[in-house]
Amino acid sequence: MNKIYYLASCDTCRKIIKALPKNLELAYHDIKQDPITEVELEQLHQLAGSYEALFSKKAVLYKTLNLKDKTLTEEDYKKYLLEHYTFLSRPVFVIGDEIFIGNTQPNILKLHKKLGLV
């Protein structure tokens, strides 16, 4: 099943979702309303190859907790991803057996190519 992990209150996520075809079969998972589970995180980890790849270093809490001054391990990344939704780089699309993490232009272009939109 194709799925998107996103934040409904995020303007960037909403903009990306709005650009998707209306008939796209996609399960929507708002990570603030329905926090990501350890099982779901493990599945994303398998596709991404690391927890760090899923982790947002742009999160305000990253700076607030002074995590930028610490050397984080994969277990640390996992712990923070499970503790607070803001640490997940958004949006995360799982399309088939591929994962698309974040809102960078190249990543969104790869997603659109995968979906046959370009």
PDB file of N, CA and C in Angstrom:
ATOM      1  N   MET A   1       0.836  -1.173   0.000  1.00  0.00           N
ATOM      2  CA  MET A   1       0.000   0.000   0.000  1.00  0.00           C
ATOM      3  C   MET A   1       0.889   1.248   0.000  1.00  0.00           C
ATOM      4  N   ASN A   2       0.532   2.220  -0.806  1.00  0.00           N
ATOM      5  CA  ASN A   2       1.236   3.494  -0.853  1.00  0.00           C
ATOM      6  C   ASN A   2       0.786   4.342   0.327  1.00  0.00           C
ATOM      7  N   LYS A   3       1.751   5.032   0.948  1.00  0.00           N
ATOM      8  CA  LYS A   3       1.439   5.776   2.162  1.00  0.00           C
ATOM      9  C   LYS A   3       2.260   7.045   2.236  1.00  0.00           C
ATOM     10  N   ILE A   4       1.692   8.060   2.882  1.00  0.00           N
ATOM     11  CA  ILE A   4       2.411   9.292   3.170  1.00  0.00           C
ATOM     12  C   ILE A   4       2.324   9.566   4.665  1.00  0.00           C
ATOM     13  N   TYR A   5       3.482   9.841   5.248  1.00  0.00           N
ATOM     14  CA  TYR A   5       3.573  10.306   6.625  1.00  0.00           C
ATOM     15  C   TYR A   5       3.800  11.811   6.517  1.00  0.00           C
ATOM     16  N   TYR A   6       2.914  12.579   7.117  1.00  0.00           N
ATOM     17  CA  TYR A   6       2.967  14.023   6.939  1.00  0.00           C
ATOM     18  C   TYR A   6       2.436  14.712   8.189  1.00  0.00           C
ATOM     19  N   LEU A   7       2.496  16.030   8.168  1.00  0.00           N
ATOM     20  CA  LEU A   7       1.960  16.847   9.243  1.00  0.00           C
ATOM     21  C   LEU A   7       0.894  17.746   8.622  1.00  0.00           C
ATOM     22  N   ALA A   8      -0.341  17.579   9.041  1.00  0.00           N
ATOM     23  CA  ALA A   8      -1.462  18.309   8.440  1.00  0.00           C
ATOM     24  C   ALA A   8      -1.313  19.826   8.594  1.00  0.00           C
ATOM     25  N   SER A   9      -0.642  20.269   9.631  1.00  0.00           N
ATOM     26  CA  SER A   9      -0.483  21.703   9.860  1.00  0.00           C
ATOM     27  C   SER A   9       0.709  22.305   9.111  1.00  0.00           C
ATOM     28  N   CYS A  10       1.441  21.480   8.381  1.00  0.00           N
ATOM     29  CA  CYS A  10       2.631  21.939   7.653  1.00  0.00           C
ATOM     30  C   CYS A  10       2.232  22.438   6.257  1.00  0.00           C
ATOM     31  N   ASP A  11       2.494  23.709   5.997  1.00  0.00           N
ATOM     32  CA  ASP A  11       2.153  24.294   4.693  1.00  0.00           C
ATOM     33  C   ASP A  11       2.849  23.573   3.548  1.00  0.00           C
ATOM     34  N   THR A  12       4.100  23.199   3.738  1.00  0.00           N
ATOM     35  CA  THR A  12       4.855  22.515   2.685  1.00  0.00           C
ATOM     36  C   THR A  12       4.236  21.158   2.374  1.00  0.00           C
ATOM     37  N   CYS A  13       3.882  20.413   3.418  1.00  0.00           N
ATOM     38  CA  CYS A  13       3.230  19.112   3.204  1.00  0.00           C
ATOM     39  C   CYS A  13       1.913  19.293   2.452  1.00  0.00           C
ATOM     40  N   ARG A  14       1.124  20.279   2.860  1.00  0.00           N
ATOM     41  CA  ARG A  14      -0.163  20.517   2.201  1.00  0.00           C
ATOM     42  C   ARG A  14       0.033  20.882   0.733  1.00  0.00           C
ATOM     43  N   LYS A  15       1.043  21.677   0.439  1.00  0.00           N
ATOM     44  CA  LYS A  15       1.328  22.074  -0.943  1.00  0.00           C
ATOM     45  C   LYS A  15       1.713  20.854  -1.784  1.00  0.00           C
ATOM     46  N   ILE A  16       2.538  19.989  -1.235  1.00  0.00           N
ATOM     47  CA  ILE A  16       2.974  18.786  -1.947  1.00  0.00           C
ATOM     48  C   ILE A  16       1.779  17.852  -2.184  1.00  0.00           C
ATOM     49  N   ILE A  17       0.945  17.686  -1.181  1.00  0.00           N
ATOM     50  CA  ILE A  17      -0.231  16.819  -1.292  1.00  0.00           C
ATOM     51  C   ILE A  17      -1.217  17.383  -2.316  1.00  0.00           C
ATOM     52  N   LYS A  18      -1.396  18.690  -2.308  1.00  0.00           N
ATOM     53  CA  LYS A  18      -2.335  19.327  -3.237  1.00  0.00           C
ATOM     54  C   LYS A  18      -1.926  19.103  -4.690  1.00  0.00           C
ATOM     55  N   ALA A  19      -0.618  18.972  -4.938  1.00  0.00           N
ATOM     56  CA  ALA A  19      -0.120  18.773  -6.299  1.00  0.00           C
ATOM     57  C   ALA A  19      -0.268  17.332  -6.784  1.00  0.00           C
ATOM     58  N   LEU A  20      -0.651  16.427  -5.906  1.00  0.00           N
ATOM     59  CA  LEU A  20      -0.817  15.017  -6.283  1.00  0.00           C
ATOM     60  C   LEU A  20      -2.143  14.800  -6.988  1.00  0.00           C
ATOM     61  N   PRO A  21      -2.212  13.809  -7.879  1.00  0.00           N
ATOM     62  CA  PRO A  21      -3.492  13.499  -8.530  1.00  0.00           C
ATOM     63  C   PRO A  21      -4.531  13.053  -7.499  1.00  0.00           C
ATOM     64  N   LYS A  22      -5.744  13.460  -7.714  1.00  0.00           N
ATOM     65  CA  LYS A  22      -6.829  13.144  -6.769  1.00  0.00           C
ATOM     66  C   LYS A  22      -7.141  11.647  -6.720  1.00  0.00           C
ATOM     67  N   ASN A  23      -6.853  10.943  -7.799  1.00  0.00           N
ATOM     68  CA  ASN A  23      -7.180   9.515  -7.852  1.00  0.00           C
ATOM     69  C   ASN A  23      -6.042   8.626  -7.353  1.00  0.00           C
ATOM     70  N   LEU A  24      -4.987   9.215  -6.826  1.00  0.00           N
ATOM     71  CA  LEU A  24      -3.853   8.442  -6.322  1.00  0.00           C
ATOM     72  C   LEU A  24      -4.262   7.670  -5.073  1.00  0.00           C
ATOM     73  N   GLU A  25      -4.056   6.360  -5.102  1.00  0.00           N
ATOM     74  CA  GLU A  25      -4.373   5.541  -3.936  1.00  0.00           C
ATOM     75  C   GLU A  25      -3.243   5.689  -2.939  1.00  0.00           C
ATOM     76  N   LEU A  26      -3.542   6.406  -1.865  1.00  0.00           N
ATOM     77  CA  LEU A  26      -2.531   6.763  -0.897  1.00  0.00           C
ATOM     78  C   LEU A  26      -3.160   6.803   0.489  1.00  0.00           C
ATOM     79  N   ALA A  27      -2.544   6.110   1.435  1.00  0.00           N
ATOM     80  CA  ALA A  27      -3.003   6.168   2.819  1.00  0.00           C
ATOM     81  C   ALA A  27      -2.299   7.347   3.482  1.00  0.00           C
ATOM     82  N   TYR A  28      -3.084   8.213   4.096  1.00  0.00           N
ATOM     83  CA  TYR A  28      -2.551   9.414   4.733  1.00  0.00           C
ATOM     84  C   TYR A  28      -2.390   9.181   6.232  1.00  0.00           C
ATOM     85  N   HIS A  29      -1.192   9.483   6.740  1.00  0.00           N
ATOM     86  CA  HIS A  29      -0.909   9.282   8.157  1.00  0.00           C
ATOM     87  C   HIS A  29      -0.383  10.600   8.732  1.00  0.00           C
ATOM     88  N   ASP A  30      -1.247  11.327   9.441  1.00  0.00           N
ATOM     89  CA  ASP A  30      -0.858  12.572  10.103  1.00  0.00           C
ATOM     90  C   ASP A  30      -0.107  12.197  11.383  1.00  0.00           C
ATOM     91  N   ILE A  31       1.185  12.470  11.403  1.00  0.00           N
ATOM     92  CA  ILE A  31       2.035  12.002  12.503  1.00  0.00           C
ATOM     93  C   ILE A  31       1.811  12.754  13.817  1.00  0.00           C
ATOM     94  N   LYS A  32       1.131  13.895  13.760  1.00  0.00           N
ATOM     95  CA  LYS A  32       0.816  14.610  15.005  1.00  0.00           C
ATOM     96  C   LYS A  32      -0.416  14.001  15.661  1.00  0.00           C
ATOM     97  N   GLN A  33      -1.428  13.720  14.864  1.00  0.00           N
ATOM     98  CA  GLN A  33      -2.677  13.148  15.379  1.00  0.00           C
ATOM     99  C   GLN A  33      -2.534  11.672  15.726  1.00  0.00           C
ATOM    100  N   ASP A  34      -1.684  10.984  14.982  1.00  0.00           N
ATOM    101  CA  ASP A  34      -1.503   9.538  15.138  1.00  0.00           C
ATOM    102  C   ASP A  34       0.002   9.254  15.104  1.00  0.00           C
ATOM    103  N   PRO A  35       0.673   9.373  16.261  1.00  0.00           N
ATOM    104  CA  PRO A  35       2.130   9.220  16.278  1.00  0.00           C
ATOM    105  C   PRO A  35       2.602   7.910  15.643  1.00  0.00           C
ATOM    106  N   ILE A  36       3.753   7.996  15.025  1.00  0.00           N
ATOM    107  CA  ILE A  36       4.335   6.839  14.360  1.00  0.00           C
ATOM    108  C   ILE A  36       4.685   5.776  15.404  1.00  0.00           C
ATOM    109  N   THR A  37       4.408   4.541  15.076  1.00  0.00           N
ATOM    110  CA  THR A  37       4.696   3.444  16.003  1.00  0.00           C
ATOM    111  C   THR A  37       6.096   2.900  15.749  1.00  0.00           C
ATOM    112  N   GLU A  38       6.573   2.119  16.682  1.00  0.00           N
ATOM    113  CA  GLU A  38       7.898   1.518  16.511  1.00  0.00           C
ATOM    114  C   GLU A  38       7.915   0.571  15.315  1.00  0.00           C
ATOM    115  N   VAL A  39       6.828  -0.156  15.107  1.00  0.00           N
ATOM    116  CA  VAL A  39       6.731  -1.069  13.963  1.00  0.00           C
ATOM    117  C   VAL A  39       6.803  -0.286  12.653  1.00  0.00           C
ATOM    118  N   GLU A  40       6.053   0.820  12.576  1.00  0.00           N
ATOM    119  CA  GLU A  40       6.081   1.654  11.370  1.00  0.00           C
ATOM    120  C   GLU A  40       7.470   2.248  11.155  1.00  0.00           C
ATOM    121  N   LEU A  41       8.085   2.699  12.237  1.00  0.00           N
ATOM    122  CA  LEU A  41       9.423   3.271  12.129  1.00  0.00           C
ATOM    123  C   LEU A  41      10.422   2.226  11.645  1.00  0.00           C
ATOM    124  N   GLU A  42      10.281   1.008  12.111  1.00  0.00           N
ATOM    125  CA  GLU A  42      11.162  -0.086  11.659  1.00  0.00           C
ATOM    126  C   GLU A  42      10.994  -0.323  10.162  1.00  0.00           C
ATOM    127  N   GLN A  43       9.754  -0.270   9.688  1.00  0.00           N
ATOM    128  CA  GLN A  43       9.506  -0.453   8.252  1.00  0.00           C
ATOM    129  C   GLN A  43      10.159   0.671   7.447  1.00  0.00           C
ATOM    130  N   LEU A  44      10.027   1.905   7.922  1.00  0.00           N
ATOM    131  CA  LEU A  44      10.662   3.037   7.243  1.00  0.00           C
ATOM    132  C   LEU A  44      12.178   2.905   7.282  1.00  0.00           C
ATOM    133  N   HIS A  45      12.697   2.452   8.410  1.00  0.00           N
ATOM    134  CA  HIS A  45      14.138   2.248   8.567  1.00  0.00           C
ATOM    135  C   HIS A  45      14.663   1.230   7.558  1.00  0.00           C
ATOM    136  N   GLN A  46      13.910   0.156   7.359  1.00  0.00           N
ATOM    137  CA  GLN A  46      14.311  -0.877   6.391  1.00  0.00           C
ATOM    138  C   GLN A  46      14.431  -0.282   4.987  1.00  0.00           C
ATOM    139  N   LEU A  47      13.498   0.573   4.632  1.00  0.00           N
ATOM    140  CA  LEU A  47      13.513   1.184   3.302  1.00  0.00           C
ATOM    141  C   LEU A  47      14.567   2.285   3.181  1.00  0.00           C
ATOM    142  N   ALA A  48      14.744   3.056   4.259  1.00  0.00           N
ATOM    143  CA  ALA A  48      15.660   4.204   4.220  1.00  0.00           C
ATOM    144  C   ALA A  48      17.113   3.795   4.434  1.00  0.00           C
ATOM    145  N   GLY A  49      17.321   2.701   5.157  1.00  0.00           N
ATOM    146  CA  GLY A  49      18.687   2.244   5.423  1.00  0.00           C
ATOM    147  C   GLY A  49      19.275   2.763   6.722  1.00  0.00           C
ATOM    148  N   SER A  50      18.670   3.810   7.288  1.00  0.00           N
ATOM    149  CA  SER A  50      19.147   4.323   8.575  1.00  0.00           C
ATOM    150  C   SER A  50      18.061   5.198   9.200  1.00  0.00           C
ATOM    151  N   TYR A  51      18.164   5.359  10.512  1.00  0.00           N
ATOM    152  CA  TYR A  51      17.250   6.270  11.198  1.00  0.00           C
ATOM    153  C   TYR A  51      17.661   7.714  10.914  1.00  0.00           C
ATOM    154  N   GLU A  52      18.944   7.936  10.768  1.00  0.00           N
ATOM    155  CA  GLU A  52      19.430   9.286  10.498  1.00  0.00           C
ATOM    156  C   GLU A  52      18.821   9.842   9.211  1.00  0.00           C
ATOM    157  N   ALA A  53      18.626   8.987   8.204  1.00  0.00           N
ATOM    158  CA  ALA A  53      18.032   9.429   6.935  1.00  0.00           C
ATOM    159  C   ALA A  53      16.600   9.928   7.130  1.00  0.00           C
ATOM    160  N   LEU A  54      15.928   9.447   8.157  1.00  0.00           N
ATOM    161  CA  LEU A  54      14.551   9.830   8.443  1.00  0.00           C
ATOM    162  C   LEU A  54      14.464  11.043   9.376  1.00  0.00           C
ATOM    163  N   PHE A  55      15.578  11.410   9.942  1.00  0.00           N
ATOM    164  CA  PHE A  55      15.640  12.415  11.002  1.00  0.00           C
ATOM    165  C   PHE A  55      15.805  13.822  10.437  1.00  0.00           C
ATOM    166  N   SER A  56      15.004  14.750  10.946  1.00  0.00           N
ATOM    167  CA  SER A  56      15.081  16.143  10.502  1.00  0.00           C
ATOM    168  C   SER A  56      15.979  16.957  11.426  1.00  0.00           C
ATOM    169  N   LYS A  57      17.082  17.409  10.874  1.00  0.00           N
ATOM    170  CA  LYS A  57      17.984  18.271  11.638  1.00  0.00           C
ATOM    171  C   LYS A  57      17.545  19.730  11.550  1.00  0.00           C
ATOM    172  N   LYS A  58      16.415  19.961  10.889  1.00  0.00           N
ATOM    173  CA  LYS A  58      15.832  21.308  10.809  1.00  0.00           C
ATOM    174  C   LYS A  58      14.809  21.531  11.920  1.00  0.00           C
ATOM    175  N   ALA A  59      14.478  20.483  12.652  1.00  0.00           N
ATOM    176  CA  ALA A  59      13.464  20.579  13.702  1.00  0.00           C
ATOM    177  C   ALA A  59      13.914  21.561  14.782  1.00  0.00           C
ATOM    178  N   VAL A  60      12.987  22.375  15.247  1.00  0.00           N
ATOM    179  CA  VAL A  60      13.296  23.339  16.302  1.00  0.00           C
ATOM    180  C   VAL A  60      13.822  22.627  17.546  1.00  0.00           C
ATOM    181  N   LEU A  61      13.236  21.495  17.886  1.00  0.00           N
ATOM    182  CA  LEU A  61      13.698  20.742  19.061  1.00  0.00           C
ATOM    183  C   LEU A  61      15.138  20.267  18.916  1.00  0.00           C
ATOM    184  N   TYR A  62      15.579  20.039  17.702  1.00  0.00           N
ATOM    185  CA  TYR A  62      16.959  19.622  17.457  1.00  0.00           C
ATOM    186  C   TYR A  62      17.918  20.679  18.000  1.00  0.00           C
ATOM    187  N   LYS A  63      17.587  21.933  17.747  1.00  0.00           N
ATOM    188  CA  LYS A  63      18.414  23.040  18.232  1.00  0.00           C
ATOM    189  C   LYS A  63      18.157  23.294  19.717  1.00  0.00           C
ATOM    190  N   THR A  64      16.886  23.263  20.123  1.00  0.00           N
ATOM    191  CA  THR A  64      16.510  23.531  21.514  1.00  0.00           C
ATOM    192  C   THR A  64      17.187  22.556  22.474  1.00  0.00           C
ATOM    193  N   LEU A  65      17.246  21.296  22.099  1.00  0.00           N
ATOM    194  CA  LEU A  65      17.859  20.264  22.947  1.00  0.00           C
ATOM    195  C   LEU A  65      19.373  20.168  22.747  1.00  0.00           C
ATOM    196  N   ASN A  66      19.917  21.092  21.947  1.00  0.00           N
ATOM    197  CA  ASN A  66      21.354  21.114  21.639  1.00  0.00           C
ATOM    198  C   ASN A  66      21.860  19.797  21.055  1.00  0.00           C
ATOM    199  N   LEU A  67      21.009  19.127  20.294  1.00  0.00           N
ATOM    200  CA  LEU A  67      21.410  17.858  19.687  1.00  0.00           C
ATOM    201  C   LEU A  67      22.469  18.067  18.616  1.00  0.00           C
ATOM    202  N   LYS A  68      22.495  19.276  18.045  1.00  0.00           N
ATOM    203  CA  LYS A  68      23.489  19.571  17.001  1.00  0.00           C
ATOM    204  C   LYS A  68      24.907  19.547  17.553  1.00  0.00           C
ATOM    205  N   ASP A  69      25.032  19.698  18.879  1.00  0.00           N
ATOM    206  CA  ASP A  69      26.347  19.690  19.516  1.00  0.00           C
ATOM    207  C   ASP A  69      26.731  18.309  20.031  1.00  0.00           C
ATOM    208  N   LYS A  70      25.887  17.322  19.795  1.00  0.00           N
ATOM    209  CA  LYS A  70      26.134  15.961  20.278  1.00  0.00           C
ATOM    210  C   LYS A  70      26.357  15.020  19.106  1.00  0.00           C
ATOM    211  N   THR A  71      27.060  13.947  19.372  1.00  0.00           N
ATOM    212  CA  THR A  71      27.237  12.893  18.379  1.00  0.00           C
ATOM    213  C   THR A  71      26.148  11.859  18.628  1.00  0.00           C
ATOM    214  N   LEU A  72      25.179  11.812  17.716  1.00  0.00           N
ATOM    215  CA  LEU A  72      24.044  10.906  17.880  1.00  0.00           C
ATOM    216  C   LEU A  72      24.302   9.568  17.197  1.00  0.00           C
ATOM    217  N   THR A  73      23.864   8.498  17.844  1.00  0.00           N
ATOM    218  CA  THR A  73      23.960   7.154  17.272  1.00  0.00           C
ATOM    219  C   THR A  73      22.637   6.816  16.597  1.00  0.00           C
ATOM    220  N   GLU A  74      22.602   5.713  15.884  1.00  0.00           N
ATOM    221  CA  GLU A  74      21.351   5.253  15.264  1.00  0.00           C
ATOM    222  C   GLU A  74      20.269   5.039  16.326  1.00  0.00           C
ATOM    223  N   GLU A  75      20.668   4.513  17.486  1.00  0.00           N
ATOM    224  CA  GLU A  75      19.697   4.305  18.571  1.00  0.00           C
ATOM    225  C   GLU A  75      19.158   5.637  19.088  1.00  0.00           C
ATOM    226  N   ASP A  76      20.023   6.663  19.130  1.00  0.00           N
ATOM    227  CA  ASP A  76      19.571   8.002  19.533  1.00  0.00           C
ATOM    228  C   ASP A  76      18.540   8.533  18.538  1.00  0.00           C
ATOM    229  N   TYR A  77      18.857   8.412  17.253  1.00  0.00           N
ATOM    230  CA  TYR A  77      17.917   8.879  16.227  1.00  0.00           C
ATOM    231  C   TYR A  77      16.578   8.166  16.368  1.00  0.00           C
ATOM    232  N   LYS A  78      16.618   6.872  16.561  1.00  0.00           N
ATOM    233  CA  LYS A  78      15.394   6.089  16.719  1.00  0.00           C
ATOM    234  C   LYS A  78      14.596   6.578  17.923  1.00  0.00           C
ATOM    235  N   LYS A  79      15.280   6.762  19.042  1.00  0.00           N
ATOM    236  CA  LYS A  79      14.632   7.217  20.275  1.00  0.00           C
ATOM    237  C   LYS A  79      13.926   8.560  20.055  1.00  0.00           C
ATOM    238  N   TYR A  80      14.624   9.511  19.453  1.00  0.00           N
ATOM    239  CA  TYR A  80      14.027  10.838  19.234  1.00  0.00           C
ATOM    240  C   TYR A  80      12.881  10.783  18.226  1.00  0.00           C
ATOM    241  N   LEU A  81      13.011   9.955  17.194  1.00  0.00           N
ATOM    242  CA  LEU A  81      11.925   9.815  16.217  1.00  0.00           C
ATOM    243  C   LEU A  81      10.657   9.283  16.876  1.00  0.00           C
ATOM    244  N   LEU A  82      10.815   8.389  17.828  1.00  0.00           N
ATOM    245  CA  LEU A  82       9.654   7.826  18.526  1.00  0.00           C
ATOM    246  C   LEU A  82       9.113   8.777  19.593  1.00  0.00           C
ATOM    247  N   GLU A  83       9.967   9.630  20.133  1.00  0.00           N
ATOM    248  CA  GLU A  83       9.546  10.544  21.196  1.00  0.00           C
ATOM    249  C   GLU A  83       8.704  11.705  20.695  1.00  0.00           C
ATOM    250  N   HIS A  84       9.057  12.252  19.525  1.00  0.00           N
ATOM    251  CA  HIS A  84       8.346  13.452  19.075  1.00  0.00           C
ATOM    252  C   HIS A  84       8.258  13.498  17.557  1.00  0.00           C
ATOM    253  N   TYR A  85       7.060  13.766  17.064  1.00  0.00           N
ATOM    254  CA  TYR A  85       6.801  13.771  15.620  1.00  0.00           C
ATOM    255  C   TYR A  85       7.655  14.772  14.854  1.00  0.00           C
ATOM    256  N   THR A  86       8.072  15.833  15.500  1.00  0.00           N
ATOM    257  CA  THR A  86       8.796  16.887  14.791  1.00  0.00           C
ATOM    258  C   THR A  86      10.152  16.424  14.249  1.00  0.00           C
ATOM    259  N   PHE A  87      10.672  15.320  14.779  1.00  0.00           N
ATOM    260  CA  PHE A  87      11.971  14.837  14.327  1.00  0.00           C
ATOM    261  C   PHE A  87      11.916  14.062  13.009  1.00  0.00           C
ATOM    262  N   LEU A  88      10.724  13.696  12.558  1.00  0.00           N
ATOM    263  CA  LEU A  88      10.619  12.987  11.278  1.00  0.00           C
ATOM    264  C   LEU A  88      10.702  13.996  10.137  1.00  0.00           C
ATOM    265  N   SER A  89      11.628  13.774   9.234  1.00  0.00           N
ATOM    266  CA  SER A  89      11.746  14.628   8.056  1.00  0.00           C
ATOM    267  C   SER A  89      10.486  14.417   7.219  1.00  0.00           C
ATOM    268  N   ARG A  90       9.803  15.510   6.879  1.00  0.00           N
ATOM    269  CA  ARG A  90       8.502  15.376   6.241  1.00  0.00           C
ATOM    270  C   ARG A  90       8.479  16.005   4.855  1.00  0.00           C
ATOM    271  N   PRO A  91       7.566  15.489   4.038  1.00  0.00           N
ATOM    272  CA  PRO A  91       6.778  14.265   4.192  1.00  0.00           C
ATOM    273  C   PRO A  91       7.624  13.031   3.851  1.00  0.00           C
ATOM    274  N   VAL A  92       7.135  11.886   4.267  1.00  0.00           N
ATOM    275  CA  VAL A  92       7.756  10.618   3.889  1.00  0.00           C
ATOM    276  C   VAL A  92       6.711   9.856   3.083  1.00  0.00           C
ATOM    277  N   PHE A  93       7.065   9.555   1.840  1.00  0.00           N
ATOM    278  CA  PHE A  93       6.204   8.758   0.974  1.00  0.00           C
ATOM    279  C   PHE A  93       6.771   7.352   0.867  1.00  0.00           C
ATOM    280  N   VAL A  94       5.919   6.360   0.989  1.00  0.00           N
ATOM    281  CA  VAL A  94       6.291   4.980   0.689  1.00  0.00           C
ATOM    282  C   VAL A  94       5.430   4.583  -0.498  1.00  0.00           C
ATOM    283  N   ILE A  95       6.094   4.398  -1.631  1.00  0.00           N
ATOM    284  CA  ILE A  95       5.412   4.023  -2.871  1.00  0.00           C
ATOM    285  C   ILE A  95       5.985   2.675  -3.289  1.00  0.00           C
ATOM    286  N   GLY A  96       5.151   1.648  -3.152  1.00  0.00           N
ATOM    287  CA  GLY A  96       5.650   0.293  -3.414  1.00  0.00           C
ATOM    288  C   GLY A  96       6.745  -0.034  -2.417  1.00  0.00           C
ATOM    289  N   ASP A  97       7.921  -0.366  -2.943  1.00  0.00           N
ATOM    290  CA  ASP A  97       9.044  -0.681  -2.058  1.00  0.00           C
ATOM    291  C   ASP A  97      10.089   0.432  -2.050  1.00  0.00           C
ATOM    292  N   GLU A  98       9.673   1.648  -2.446  1.00  0.00           N
ATOM    293  CA  GLU A  98      10.582   2.792  -2.449  1.00  0.00           C
ATOM    294  C   GLU A  98      10.128   3.828  -1.436  1.00  0.00           C
ATOM    295  N   ILE A  99      11.114   4.551  -0.896  1.00  0.00           N
ATOM    296  CA  ILE A  99      10.823   5.598   0.080  1.00  0.00           C
ATOM    297  C   ILE A  99      11.346   6.930  -0.440  1.00  0.00           C
ATOM    298  N   PHE A 100      10.586   7.969  -0.178  1.00  0.00           N
ATOM    299  CA  PHE A 100      10.944   9.330  -0.571  1.00  0.00           C
ATOM    300  C   PHE A 100      10.832  10.186   0.686  1.00  0.00           C
ATOM    301  N   ILE A 101      11.958  10.703   1.150  1.00  0.00           N
ATOM    302  CA  ILE A 101      12.016  11.383   2.441  1.00  0.00           C
ATOM    303  C   ILE A 101      12.295  12.868   2.253  1.00  0.00           C
ATOM    304  N   GLY A 102      11.411  13.691   2.794  1.00  0.00           N
ATOM    305  CA  GLY A 102      11.647  15.126   2.817  1.00  0.00           C
ATOM    306  C   GLY A 102      11.037  15.863   1.645  1.00  0.00           C
ATOM    307  N   ASN A 103      11.230  17.189   1.685  1.00  0.00           N
ATOM    308  CA  ASN A 103      10.554  18.045   0.719  1.00  0.00           C
ATOM    309  C   ASN A 103      11.506  18.767  -0.224  1.00  0.00           C
ATOM    310  N   THR A 104      12.713  18.223  -0.389  1.00  0.00           N
ATOM    311  CA  THR A 104      13.635  18.868  -1.324  1.00  0.00           C
ATOM    312  C   THR A 104      13.130  18.718  -2.748  1.00  0.00           C
ATOM    313  N   GLN A 105      13.487  19.655  -3.581  1.00  0.00           N
ATOM    314  CA  GLN A 105      13.053  19.642  -4.977  1.00  0.00           C
ATOM    315  C   GLN A 105      13.452  18.343  -5.690  1.00  0.00           C
ATOM    316  N   PRO A 106      14.726  17.890  -5.552  1.00  0.00           N
ATOM    317  CA  PRO A 106      15.096  16.629  -6.226  1.00  0.00           C
ATOM    318  C   PRO A 106      14.282  15.427  -5.736  1.00  0.00           C
ATOM    319  N   ASN A 107      13.985  15.388  -4.437  1.00  0.00           N
ATOM    320  CA  ASN A 107      13.212  14.278  -3.888  1.00  0.00           C
ATOM    321  C   ASN A 107      11.782  14.284  -4.426  1.00  0.00           C
ATOM    322  N   ILE A 108      11.165  15.447  -4.474  1.00  0.00           N
ATOM    323  CA  ILE A 108       9.794  15.551  -4.977  1.00  0.00           C
ATOM    324  C   ILE A 108       9.755  15.219  -6.473  1.00  0.00           C
ATOM    325  N   LEU A 109      10.788  15.602  -7.199  1.00  0.00           N
ATOM    326  CA  LEU A 109      10.871  15.263  -8.625  1.00  0.00           C
ATOM    327  C   LEU A 109      10.964  13.751  -8.814  1.00  0.00           C
ATOM    328  N   LYS A 110      11.780  13.071  -7.987  1.00  0.00           N
ATOM    329  CA  LYS A 110      11.881  11.603  -8.051  1.00  0.00           C
ATOM    330  C   LYS A 110      10.529  10.963  -7.745  1.00  0.00           C
ATOM    331  N   LEU A 111       9.831  11.507  -6.761  1.00  0.00           N
ATOM    332  CA  LEU A 111       8.497  11.004  -6.400  1.00  0.00           C
ATOM    333  C   LEU A 111       7.551  11.166  -7.591  1.00  0.00           C
ATOM    334  N   HIS A 112       7.548  12.338  -8.195  1.00  0.00           N
ATOM    335  CA  HIS A 112       6.656  12.587  -9.342  1.00  0.00           C
ATOM    336  C   HIS A 112       6.984  11.654 -10.501  1.00  0.00           C
ATOM    337  N   LYS A 113       8.280  11.393 -10.729  1.00  0.00           N
ATOM    338  CA  LYS A 113       8.667  10.445 -11.781  1.00  0.00           C
ATOM    339  C   LYS A 113       8.149   9.062 -11.463  1.00  0.00           C
ATOM    340  N   LYS A 114       8.293   8.640 -10.202  1.00  0.00           N
ATOM    341  CA  LYS A 114       7.820   7.326  -9.791  1.00  0.00           C
ATOM    342  C   LYS A 114       6.307   7.201 -10.004  1.00  0.00           C
ATOM    343  N   LEU A 115       5.592   8.292  -9.755  1.00  0.00           N
ATOM    344  CA  LEU A 115       4.136   8.297  -9.902  1.00  0.00           C
ATOM    345  C   LEU A 115       3.693   8.544 -11.346  1.00  0.00           C
ATOM    346  N   GLY A 116       4.657   8.770 -12.237  1.00  0.00           N
ATOM    347  CA  GLY A 116       4.337   9.007 -13.639  1.00  0.00           C
ATOM    348  C   GLY A 116       3.730  10.372 -13.902  1.00  0.00           C
ATOM    349  N   LEU A 117       4.071  11.353 -13.073  1.00  0.00           N
ATOM    350  CA  LEU A 117       3.507  12.686 -13.220  1.00  0.00           C
ATOM    351  C   LEU A 117       4.366  13.596 -14.094  1.00  0.00           C
ATOM    352  N   VAL A 118       5.586  13.164 -14.391  1.00  0.00           N
ATOM    353  CA  VAL A 118       6.472  13.957 -15.272  1.00  0.00           C
ATOM    354  C   VAL A 118       7.048  13.068 -16.356  1.00  0.00           C
TER     355      VAL A 118
END
